Amino acid sequence: MQAVLVLNADLGPLHRVSLRHAIRMLCRGVAEVHESEPDIRYGPWGMPKVVKLVRYIVTKWRYTAGPSWSRSGVLRRDNFTCSYCNGHTGITVDHVIPTSRGGKNTWTNTVASCDPCNQRKGDRTPQEAGMTLLVKPEAPTWAALRR
């Protein structure tokens, strides 16, 4: 699916949305086409590549606190690499302290892990399983997740 860049009213980039979402924004009148594909029409508009919001949206919240936890964020933070063996296949999210023992979905308690390492560790801590973490899990910044 094609992604469409959303610009704030001051032309600062905000994020990317699906083509379907961009068309909905145009229909509601909250955005206008800033750049489109030549010779391709989507209703009354050219096929949007970039849309610009009609009104300025304050994004101070985005830079005051770090990003909230998400599975995709953990995988991006760890560069889709297993934190136990540096493998790149079958990447999942593993809890350092298992959820059955009170571990939560936090940046410092979750790491990317390949399926074999995740199965081997099971419902134990890395020390109990005889495994060492190659990287220390930390909360990322917004800039780190964009890379």
Protein backbone atom coordinates (compact mmCIF):
# COMPACT_ATOMS: atom_id res chain seq x y z
CA MET A 1 0.00 0.00 0.00
CA GLN A 2 1.23 3.48 -0.85
CA ALA A 3 2.14 5.77 2.06
CA VAL A 4 1.31 9.47 1.93
CA LEU A 5 3.36 12.04 3.85
CA VAL A 6 1.36 14.38 6.08
CA LEU A 7 2.74 17.90 6.56
CA ASN A 8 1.65 20.33 9.26
CA ALA A 9 0.27 23.70 8.17
CA ASP A 10 3.80 25.16 8.56
CA LEU A 11 5.08 22.47 6.13
CA GLY A 12 6.85 20.52 8.90
CA PRO A 13 6.57 16.72 8.45
CA LEU A 14 4.28 14.93 10.90
CA HIS A 15 3.96 11.29 9.84
CA ARG A 16 2.89 8.97 7.02
CA VAL A 17 -0.59 7.57 6.48
CA SER A 18 -2.13 5.12 4.05
CA LEU A 19 -3.60 6.38 0.78
CA ARG A 20 -7.07 5.52 2.08
CA HIS A 21 -6.53 7.61 5.22
CA ALA A 22 -5.20 10.53 3.14
CA ILE A 23 -8.30 10.45 0.92
CA ARG A 24 -10.50 10.52 4.03
CA MET A 25 -8.58 13.56 5.27
CA LEU A 26 -9.17 15.29 1.94
CA CYS A 27 -12.90 14.44 1.99
CA ARG A 28 -13.28 15.81 5.54
CA GLY A 29 -11.46 19.00 4.53
CA VAL A 30 -8.74 18.75 7.18
CA ALA A 31 -6.00 18.47 4.55
CA GLU A 32 -5.28 19.54 1.00
CA VAL A 33 -3.08 17.99 -1.67
CA HIS A 34 0.41 19.50 -1.53
CA GLU A 35 2.05 17.19 -4.09
CA SER A 36 0.45 14.57 -6.30
CA GLU A 37 1.27 11.99 -8.96
CA PRO A 38 1.03 13.54 -12.41
CA ASP A 39 -1.72 12.25 -14.71
CA ILE A 40 -3.34 10.05 -12.03
CA ARG A 41 -6.65 11.22 -10.60
CA TYR A 42 -8.35 9.97 -7.47
CA GLY A 43 -11.80 11.53 -7.54
CA PRO A 44 -11.51 15.33 -7.79
CA TRP A 45 -7.88 15.25 -6.60
CA GLY A 46 -4.64 14.12 -8.11
CA MET A 47 -3.27 10.92 -6.49
CA PRO A 48 -1.67 12.43 -3.36
CA LYS A 49 1.97 11.83 -2.47
CA VAL A 50 2.03 14.63 0.14
CA VAL A 51 -0.91 16.26 1.93
CA LYS A 52 -0.80 19.43 4.04
CA LEU A 53 -3.06 20.05 7.03
CA VAL A 54 -5.33 23.07 6.76
CA ARG A 55 -4.79 24.05 10.42
CA TYR A 56 -1.57 23.92 12.45
CA ILE A 57 -1.35 21.05 14.95
CA VAL A 58 0.83 21.60 18.04
CA THR A 59 3.24 18.65 18.38
CA LYS A 60 5.09 19.69 21.52
CA TRP A 61 3.99 16.42 23.18
CA ARG A 62 6.00 14.47 20.64
CA TYR A 63 9.31 15.84 21.86
CA THR A 64 8.70 16.32 25.59
CA ALA A 65 8.41 12.65 26.52
CA GLY A 66 9.82 9.58 24.86
CA PRO A 67 7.69 7.32 22.72
CA SER A 68 5.27 4.94 24.40
CA TRP A 69 6.07 1.22 24.35
CA SER A 70 5.06 -0.87 21.36
CA ARG A 71 6.12 -4.21 19.87
CA SER A 72 7.12 -2.61 16.59
CA GLY A 73 9.08 0.02 18.51
CA VAL A 74 11.04 -2.67 20.38
CA LEU A 75 11.87 -4.43 17.11
CA ARG A 76 12.98 -1.17 15.48
CA ARG A 77 15.01 -0.16 18.55
CA ASP A 78 16.87 -3.50 18.42
CA ASN A 79 17.19 -3.33 14.62
CA PHE A 80 15.28 -6.62 14.16
CA THR A 81 18.26 -8.44 15.71
CA CYS A 82 18.08 -11.06 18.46
CA SER A 83 19.42 -9.67 21.74
CA TYR A 84 20.74 -13.10 22.76
CA CYS A 85 22.48 -14.45 19.62
CA ASN A 86 22.48 -11.55 17.08
CA GLY A 87 20.32 -13.65 14.71
CA HIS A 88 17.90 -12.09 12.22
CA THR A 89 15.30 -14.84 11.65
CA GLY A 90 11.88 -15.22 13.26
CA ILE A 91 12.15 -12.11 15.40
CA THR A 92 9.66 -11.77 18.28
CA VAL A 93 9.50 -9.70 21.46
CA ASP A 94 10.77 -11.35 24.65
CA HIS A 95 10.22 -10.18 28.23
CA VAL A 96 13.45 -10.16 30.26
CA ILE A 97 11.38 -10.70 33.42
CA PRO A 98 8.51 -12.94 32.26
CA THR A 99 4.98 -11.58 32.50
CA SER A 100 4.05 -14.54 34.71
CA ARG A 101 6.51 -13.13 37.28
CA GLY A 102 5.25 -9.58 37.11
CA GLY A 103 7.21 -8.33 34.10
CA LYS A 104 5.50 -5.51 32.25
CA ASN A 105 5.51 -4.22 28.70
CA THR A 106 8.19 -1.59 29.22
CA TRP A 107 11.21 -0.51 27.18
CA THR A 108 13.61 -1.81 29.83
CA ASN A 109 11.90 -5.21 30.18
CA THR A 110 11.47 -6.20 26.53
CA VAL A 111 13.99 -7.10 23.83
CA ALA A 112 13.89 -8.49 20.31
CA SER A 113 14.54 -12.23 20.25
CA CYS A 114 14.63 -14.95 17.61
CA ASP A 115 12.20 -17.85 17.98
CA PRO A 116 14.82 -20.45 19.05
CA CYS A 117 16.24 -18.17 21.77
CA ASN A 118 12.76 -17.18 22.93
CA GLN A 119 11.76 -20.86 23.19
CA ARG A 120 15.01 -21.76 24.97
CA LYS A 121 14.57 -18.98 27.53
CA GLY A 122 10.91 -19.83 28.03
CA ASP A 123 9.33 -18.63 31.28
CA ARG A 124 12.67 -17.93 32.99
CA THR A 125 14.97 -14.98 33.43
CA PRO A 126 18.08 -14.90 31.22
CA GLN A 127 20.26 -15.84 34.21
CA GLU A 128 18.10 -18.87 35.03
CA ALA A 129 18.21 -19.97 31.39
CA GLY A 130 22.01 -19.50 31.21
CA MET A 131 21.69 -16.82 28.53
CA THR A 132 23.26 -13.38 28.44
CA LEU A 133 21.78 -10.24 26.94
CA LEU A 134 24.16 -8.77 24.36
CA VAL A 135 22.53 -5.32 24.68
CA LYS A 136 21.00 -3.56 27.66
CA PRO A 137 17.37 -2.60 26.90
CA GLU A 138 16.79 1.15 27.18
CA ALA A 139 13.99 3.53 26.32
CA PRO A 140 14.64 4.98 22.84
CA THR A 141 14.29 8.58 21.75
CA TRP A 142 11.98 9.68 18.95
CA ALA A 143 15.00 10.22 16.70
CA ALA A 144 16.30 6.70 17.33
CA LEU A 145 12.96 5.14 16.29
CA ARG A 146 12.85 7.19 13.07
CA ARG A 147 16.13 5.75 11.79
